[in-house]
């Protein structure tokens, strides 16, 4: 049975629902990375560099050997000071971390805060313009990290010459924090490269290639769900989904979910992705969102839910993107009033307007 059939979509949705933590299955990858570092450090030391120059390499090699030994004896990830557990996402980002956040010195905390702020600035710099008009298409998104950095992925790739297809992407990397944000940055670079300017790959081929690259450069258990689409003249949309929540097609006749057409990126290098083609009439919209929206909980622990988002969208056919998103976010915030945002949130509207125009970043 093909991975791109209906059962594949079901498996994809089950991964989205279960949200298997990366940290629980990251140790084989960490060991592999440590062993690769060891090989490179040993090669550098054996290359004949002088003793003073080799000292930092020797020190780092000792740290790598110690970390591998801790994996072998089952103590990897244990804080050297309090003997508690080092935060898993920090180990994924830096396998040589030896103390938990609580045991960092004030100087180390300030340095870490500075690194996080810099990472946050870099990530914000990767985001596209918040409102874009391209021909008859208007796109608007909202992007709200739960912390300094986010694992949600959002991008708009606009043709530079004013013709061709506009590519839109929205997704979610498994996990949270720094480790997830690093993978989000990885996805951004991959799709920017694969989009290939004004020609680029078709989106099903783009997802296939991205999945292959993602599998090669990550470890088992790291995965990402996302929707990749292209908007063309005449209201034509092409959409492929890698195990992500269904996009909501908003028309005069109501709201229709467009389900997953393949497995999340990173699960199997041979995964295939089918492409859906739909045509939007003027006033129609496509609503994409991450689970930080649908799974947002109120003080009683109840999820917001896709059904409630669907109801909000169904009542607002023809609304321009920023007003539709404002209504959606107002309803989500009303539901979660008095609670802390627990997960990254991203939501995007791709809208076909009544009139065409040249590209304009609003």
Protein backbone atom coordinates (compact mmCIF):
# COMPACT_ATOMS: atom_id res chain seq x y z
CA UNK A 1 0.00 0.00 0.00
CA UNK A 2 1.33 3.43 -0.95
CA UNK A 3 2.31 5.88 1.78
CA UNK A 4 0.33 8.54 -0.03
CA UNK A 5 -3.05 6.78 0.17
CA UNK A 6 -5.87 7.53 2.57
CA UNK A 7 -4.37 5.38 5.32
CA UNK A 8 -1.20 7.44 5.06
CA UNK A 9 -3.22 10.58 5.75
CA UNK A 10 -4.71 8.86 8.78
CA UNK A 11 -1.28 7.94 10.11
CA UNK A 12 -0.16 11.51 9.51
CA UNK A 13 -3.06 12.86 11.55
CA UNK A 14 -2.29 10.41 14.35
CA UNK A 15 1.28 11.75 14.59
CA UNK A 16 -0.10 15.28 14.70
CA UNK A 17 -2.45 14.31 17.51
CA UNK A 18 0.06 12.31 19.57
CA UNK A 19 2.86 14.89 19.36
CA UNK A 20 5.58 12.38 20.23
CA UNK A 21 8.30 14.34 22.06
CA UNK A 22 11.65 14.42 20.28
CA UNK A 23 13.54 14.17 23.56
CA UNK A 24 12.22 10.70 24.32
CA UNK A 25 13.86 9.25 21.23
CA UNK A 26 16.83 11.54 20.68
CA UNK A 27 19.63 9.57 22.38
CA UNK A 28 20.70 7.49 19.32
CA UNK A 29 21.07 10.68 17.32
CA UNK A 30 23.01 12.40 20.09
CA UNK A 31 25.43 9.49 20.31
CA UNK A 32 25.87 9.53 16.53
CA UNK A 33 26.61 13.25 16.57
CA UNK A 34 29.06 12.88 19.44
CA UNK A 35 30.91 10.11 17.62
CA UNK A 36 31.13 12.26 14.49
CA UNK A 37 32.57 15.10 16.56
CA UNK A 38 35.07 12.69 18.08
CA UNK A 39 36.26 11.57 14.65
CA UNK A 40 36.72 15.16 13.47
CA UNK A 41 38.51 16.24 16.63
CA UNK A 42 40.82 13.21 16.52
CA UNK A 43 41.63 13.93 12.89
CA UNK A 44 42.41 17.57 13.71
CA UNK A 45 44.69 16.60 16.60
CA UNK A 46 46.48 14.00 14.46
CA UNK A 47 47.09 16.48 11.66
CA UNK A 48 50.28 17.74 13.28
CA UNK A 49 49.10 21.02 14.81
CA UNK A 50 51.30 22.46 17.57
CA UNK A 51 50.68 21.57 21.22
CA UNK A 52 49.30 25.02 22.19
CA UNK A 53 46.91 24.98 19.26
CA UNK A 54 45.85 21.40 20.04
CA UNK A 55 44.93 22.14 23.67
CA UNK A 56 41.37 23.37 22.97
CA UNK A 57 40.78 20.35 20.72
CA UNK A 58 42.01 18.00 23.45
CA UNK A 59 39.73 19.61 26.01
CA UNK A 60 36.72 19.33 23.72
CA UNK A 61 37.61 15.72 22.89
CA UNK A 62 37.62 14.93 26.62
CA UNK A 63 34.13 16.44 26.95
CA UNK A 64 32.88 14.36 24.03
CA UNK A 65 34.39 11.16 25.47
CA UNK A 66 32.80 11.91 28.83
CA UNK A 67 29.39 12.46 27.26
CA UNK A 68 29.64 9.15 25.35
CA UNK A 69 30.62 7.38 28.58
CA UNK A 70 27.56 8.86 30.30
CA UNK A 71 25.37 7.47 27.51
CA UNK A 72 26.95 4.04 28.00
CA UNK A 73 26.42 4.01 31.77
CA UNK A 74 22.91 5.50 31.62
CA UNK A 75 23.70 8.82 33.30
CA UNK A 76 23.63 11.05 30.23
CA UNK A 77 21.41 14.07 30.78
CA UNK A 78 21.93 14.09 34.55
CA UNK A 79 22.90 17.47 36.03
CA UNK A 80 26.39 17.33 37.54
CA UNK A 81 25.43 19.75 40.33
CA UNK A 82 21.95 18.78 41.58
CA UNK A 83 21.72 15.32 39.94
CA UNK A 84 18.38 16.28 38.45
CA UNK A 85 17.56 16.16 34.74
CA UNK A 86 19.07 18.51 32.17
CA UNK A 87 16.39 19.99 29.91
CA UNK A 88 16.06 17.65 26.86
CA UNK A 89 15.76 20.42 24.29
CA UNK A 90 19.05 21.90 25.51
CA UNK A 91 20.75 18.53 25.06
CA UNK A 92 19.43 18.30 21.52
CA UNK A 93 20.74 21.79 20.76
CA UNK A 94 24.08 21.16 22.54
CA UNK A 95 24.90 17.52 23.43
CA UNK A 96 27.70 18.63 25.78
CA UNK A 97 25.46 20.51 28.24
CA UNK A 98 26.18 19.19 31.75
CA UNK A 99 24.05 21.23 34.14
CA UNK A 100 20.36 22.13 34.23
CA UNK A 101 19.08 25.68 34.00
CA UNK A 102 18.52 25.90 37.75
CA UNK A 103 22.22 25.28 38.40
CA UNK A 104 23.62 27.85 35.98
CA UNK A 105 25.62 30.69 37.48
CA UNK A 106 24.23 34.24 37.12
CA UNK A 107 26.84 34.91 34.42
CA UNK A 108 25.87 31.76 32.52
CA UNK A 109 22.18 32.69 32.76
CA UNK A 110 22.84 36.13 31.32
CA UNK A 111 24.85 34.60 28.47
CA UNK A 112 22.04 32.13 27.74
CA UNK A 113 19.45 34.90 27.78
CA UNK A 114 21.57 36.86 25.34
CA UNK A 115 21.82 33.85 23.03
CA UNK A 116 18.05 33.35 23.15
CA UNK A 117 17.40 36.98 22.35
CA UNK A 118 19.77 36.81 19.40
CA UNK A 119 18.08 33.59 18.20
CA UNK A 120 14.72 35.31 18.52
CA UNK A 121 15.91 38.26 16.43
CA UNK A 122 17.28 35.93 13.75
CA UNK A 123 14.04 33.97 13.62
CA UNK A 124 11.89 37.12 13.37
CA UNK A 125 14.14 38.24 10.52
CA UNK A 126 13.27 35.09 8.57
CA UNK A 127 9.55 35.79 8.63
CA UNK A 128 8.00 37.21 5.45
CA UNK A 129 6.03 40.45 5.27
CA UNK A 130 2.92 40.09 7.39
CA UNK A 131 0.51 41.26 4.68
CA UNK A 132 1.13 40.60 1.01
CA UNK A 133 -0.86 41.35 -2.11
CA UNK A 134 0.10 39.54 -5.29
CA UNK A 135 -2.19 39.91 -8.26
CA UNK A 136 -5.67 38.89 -7.10
CA UNK A 137 -4.29 37.20 -3.98
CA UNK A 138 -4.09 38.72 -0.53
CA UNK A 139 -2.27 36.91 2.24
CA UNK A 140 -2.03 37.73 5.92
CA UNK A 141 -0.65 35.73 8.85
CA UNK A 142 -0.22 35.95 12.60
CA UNK A 143 2.80 34.38 14.32
CA UNK A 144 2.93 34.16 18.12
CA UNK A 145 5.74 32.17 19.76
CA UNK A 146 5.01 30.81 23.23
CA UNK A 147 8.56 31.69 24.27
CA UNK A 148 11.59 33.56 22.90
CA UNK A 149 11.78 31.23 19.86
CA UNK A 150 9.25 29.13 17.99
CA UNK A 151 9.01 25.78 16.23
CA UNK A 152 6.19 26.95 13.97
CA UNK A 153 7.12 27.55 10.34
CA UNK A 154 5.62 30.29 8.19
CA UNK A 155 6.79 31.60 4.83
CA UNK A 156 5.62 33.32 1.65
CA UNK A 157 7.80 33.10 -1.44
CA UNK A 158 6.78 35.76 -3.96
CA UNK A 159 8.03 35.67 -7.58
CA UNK A 160 10.55 38.43 -8.12
CA UNK A 161 9.38 39.34 -11.63
CA UNK A 162 5.68 39.83 -10.83
CA UNK A 163 4.54 36.71 -12.68
CA UNK A 164 4.35 33.02 -11.88
CA UNK A 165 3.21 31.28 -8.74
CA UNK A 166 3.24 32.52 -5.17
CA UNK A 167 4.26 29.78 -2.70
CA UNK A 168 2.87 29.74 0.83
CA UNK A 169 3.91 27.43 3.67
CA UNK A 170 2.72 26.89 7.22
CA UNK A 171 3.87 24.12 9.53
CA UNK A 172 4.94 22.89 12.91
CA UNK A 173 8.14 21.12 14.01
CA UNK A 174 7.72 18.46 16.70
CA UNK A 175 8.91 19.74 20.06
CA UNK A 176 9.36 23.22 21.46
CA UNK A 177 12.02 25.76 22.24
CA UNK A 178 15.51 26.07 20.84
CA UNK A 179 15.74 22.60 19.27
CA UNK A 180 12.46 23.07 17.38
CA UNK A 181 13.45 26.58 16.30
CA UNK A 182 16.70 25.25 14.82
CA UNK A 183 14.73 22.78 12.72
CA UNK A 184 12.30 25.54 11.72
CA UNK A 185 15.28 27.53 10.42
CA UNK A 186 16.46 24.41 8.59
CA UNK A 187 13.07 24.08 6.87
CA UNK A 188 13.12 27.74 5.90
CA UNK A 189 16.47 27.38 4.16
CA UNK A 190 15.43 24.17 2.40
CA UNK A 191 12.19 25.48 0.95
CA UNK A 192 13.72 28.80 -0.06
CA UNK A 193 16.30 26.83 -2.02
CA UNK A 194 13.80 24.35 -3.48
CA UNK A 195 11.39 27.08 -4.56
CA UNK A 196 14.16 28.04 -6.97
CA UNK A 197 13.15 31.58 -7.81
CA UNK A 198 10.32 32.11 -10.29
CA UNK A 199 10.26 28.58 -11.73
CA UNK A 200 11.03 26.16 -8.94
CA UNK A 201 9.62 22.71 -8.37
CA UNK A 202 5.96 21.79 -8.33
CA UNK A 203 4.81 21.61 -4.73
CA UNK A 204 4.40 17.83 -4.59
CA UNK A 205 7.96 17.42 -5.88
CA UNK A 206 9.08 20.16 -3.51
CA UNK A 207 7.67 18.26 -0.52
CA UNK A 208 9.18 15.00 -1.75
CA UNK A 209 12.62 16.58 -2.05
CA UNK A 210 12.32 18.44 1.27
CA UNK A 211 11.33 15.23 3.03
CA UNK A 212 14.32 13.40 1.60
CA UNK A 213 16.69 16.15 2.72
CA UNK A 214 15.02 16.38 6.13
CA UNK A 215 15.40 12.63 6.69
CA UNK A 216 19.08 12.80 5.75
CA UNK A 217 19.88 15.70 8.07
CA UNK A 218 17.83 14.81 11.18
CA UNK A 219 17.41 11.79 13.42
CA UNK A 220 14.58 9.31 13.91
CA UNK A 221 11.82 11.01 15.85
CA UNK A 222 12.36 14.49 14.50
CA UNK A 223 9.57 15.40 12.14
CA UNK A 224 7.55 18.33 10.91
CA UNK A 225 4.00 18.70 9.66
CA UNK A 226 3.25 21.41 7.14
CA UNK A 227 1.12 22.56 4.24
CA UNK A 228 2.77 23.76 1.05
CA UNK A 229 0.71 25.52 -1.59
CA UNK A 230 0.97 27.70 -4.64
CA UNK A 231 -1.42 30.42 -5.80
CA UNK A 232 -1.78 31.10 -9.52
CA UNK A 233 -3.79 33.34 -11.82
CA UNK A 234 -7.50 32.67 -12.17
CA UNK A 235 -7.99 31.63 -8.56
CA UNK A 236 -6.14 28.32 -8.93
CA UNK A 237 -4.55 26.84 -5.82
CA UNK A 238 -2.36 23.74 -5.62
CA UNK A 239 -1.93 22.28 -2.15
CA UNK A 240 0.05 19.39 -0.67
CA UNK A 241 0.11 18.51 3.01
CA UNK A 242 2.67 16.60 5.03
CA UNK A 243 0.51 15.29 7.84
CA UNK A 244 -0.70 18.72 8.91
CA UNK A 245 -4.11 19.73 10.23
CA UNK A 246 -6.58 20.14 7.35
CA UNK A 247 -6.65 23.58 5.76
CA UNK A 248 -10.13 25.14 5.77
CA UNK A 249 -11.53 26.22 2.39
CA UNK A 250 -14.05 29.01 3.01
CA UNK A 251 -16.64 29.49 0.24
CA UNK A 252 -20.19 30.78 -0.10
CA UNK A 253 -21.39 27.21 0.40
CA UNK A 254 -19.61 26.80 3.73
CA UNK A 255 -16.28 25.49 4.99
CA UNK A 256 -14.59 22.40 3.59
CA UNK A 257 -11.51 20.78 5.21
CA UNK A 258 -8.68 19.79 2.86
CA UNK A 259 -7.04 16.78 4.50
CA UNK A 260 -3.45 15.55 4.54
CA UNK A 261 -2.03 14.09 1.35
CA UNK A 262 1.09 12.50 2.84
CA UNK A 263 3.10 11.73 5.96
CA UNK A 264 4.99 14.31 8.03
CA UNK A 265 8.46 15.26 6.85
CA UNK A 266 11.20 13.21 8.45
CA UNK A 267 9.43 9.88 8.97
CA UNK A 268 10.32 7.94 5.81
CA UNK A 269 12.68 9.10 3.08
CA UNK A 270 10.54 7.42 0.39
CA UNK A 271 7.28 9.20 1.25
CA UNK A 272 5.28 10.52 -1.68
CA UNK A 273 2.94 13.52 -1.70
CA UNK A 274 -0.19 14.02 -3.76
CA UNK A 275 -1.31 17.46 -4.87
CA UNK A 276 -4.84 18.82 -4.52
CA UNK A 277 -6.09 21.41 -6.97
CA UNK A 278 -8.91 23.79 -6.06
CA UNK A 279 -10.25 26.99 -7.55
CA UNK A 280 -11.24 29.91 -5.38
CA UNK A 281 -13.91 32.35 -6.47
CA UNK A 282 -13.55 36.03 -5.57
CA UNK A 283 -14.25 36.33 -1.83
CA UNK A 284 -13.14 32.76 -1.04
CA UNK A 285 -10.30 32.09 1.39
CA UNK A 286 -8.05 29.31 2.57
CA UNK A 287 -7.33 29.21 6.31
CA UNK A 288 -4.21 27.43 7.59
CA UNK A 289 -3.26 27.04 11.25
CA UNK A 290 -0.98 25.14 13.63
CA UNK A 291 -2.08 23.14 16.65
CA UNK A 292 -1.24 26.03 18.97
CA UNK A 293 -4.54 27.45 17.69
CA UNK A 294 -6.78 24.37 17.66
CA UNK A 295 -5.37 22.91 20.89
CA UNK A 296 -5.33 26.14 22.90
CA UNK A 297 -6.92 25.36 26.28
CA UNK A 298 -9.04 27.39 28.64
CA UNK A 299 -8.77 27.44 32.43
CA UNK A 300 -10.84 24.23 32.61
CA UNK A 301 -8.46 22.40 30.26
CA UNK A 302 -10.87 22.31 27.31
CA UNK A 303 -9.37 22.65 23.84
CA UNK A 304 -10.50 25.39 21.49
CA UNK A 305 -10.98 22.87 18.68
CA UNK A 306 -11.13 22.89 14.90
CA UNK A 307 -14.93 22.92 15.01
CA UNK A 308 -15.07 26.27 16.74
CA UNK A 309 -12.53 27.76 14.33
CA UNK A 310 -14.63 26.40 11.45
CA UNK A 311 -17.74 28.12 12.82
CA UNK A 312 -15.95 31.47 13.08
CA UNK A 313 -14.69 31.14 9.51
CA UNK A 314 -18.07 30.03 8.13
CA UNK A 315 -19.70 33.25 9.31
CA UNK A 316 -17.11 35.45 7.62
CA UNK A 317 -16.93 34.49 3.94
CA UNK A 318 -15.67 37.41 1.88
CA UNK A 319 -13.87 39.11 4.76
CA UNK A 320 -10.43 40.47 3.90
CA UNK A 321 -7.57 38.46 5.44
CA UNK A 322 -6.54 40.70 8.32
CA UNK A 323 -10.15 41.08 9.49
CA UNK A 324 -10.81 37.34 9.25
CA UNK A 325 -7.66 36.57 11.23
CA UNK A 326 -8.52 39.24 13.79
CA UNK A 327 -11.91 37.58 14.33
CA UNK A 328 -10.33 34.14 14.64
CA UNK A 329 -7.66 35.28 17.11
CA UNK A 330 -10.22 37.23 19.13
CA UNK A 331 -12.26 34.05 19.55
CA UNK A 332 -9.19 31.99 20.47
CA UNK A 333 -8.10 34.59 23.01
CA UNK A 334 -11.60 34.74 24.46
CA UNK A 335 -11.54 30.97 24.92
CA UNK A 336 -8.12 31.02 26.63
CA UNK A 337 -8.70 34.18 28.68
CA UNK A 338 -6.80 34.04 31.96
CA UNK A 339 -4.40 31.27 30.87
CA UNK A 340 -0.81 31.34 29.69
CA UNK A 341 -0.09 30.57 26.03
CA UNK A 342 1.26 27.01 26.14
CA UNK A 343 2.25 26.45 22.52
CA UNK A 344 3.45 28.40 19.52
CA UNK A 345 0.64 29.76 17.36
CA UNK A 346 0.60 30.49 13.64
CA UNK A 347 -2.38 31.13 11.39
CA UNK A 348 -2.59 32.29 7.77
CA UNK A 349 -5.31 33.35 5.33
CA UNK A 350 -4.87 33.09 1.55
CA UNK A 351 -7.70 35.12 0.02
CA UNK A 352 -8.82 35.75 -3.55
CA UNK A 353 -9.95 39.34 -3.86
CA UNK A 354 -12.39 40.89 -6.31
CA UNK A 355 -9.69 42.80 -8.15
CA UNK A 356 -6.19 42.03 -9.34
CA UNK A 357 -3.14 44.15 -8.87
CA UNK A 358 0.64 44.06 -8.96
CA UNK A 359 2.59 42.70 -6.02
CA UNK A 360 2.38 45.00 -3.04
CA UNK A 361 3.78 44.41 0.42
CA UNK A 362 1.27 46.16 2.66
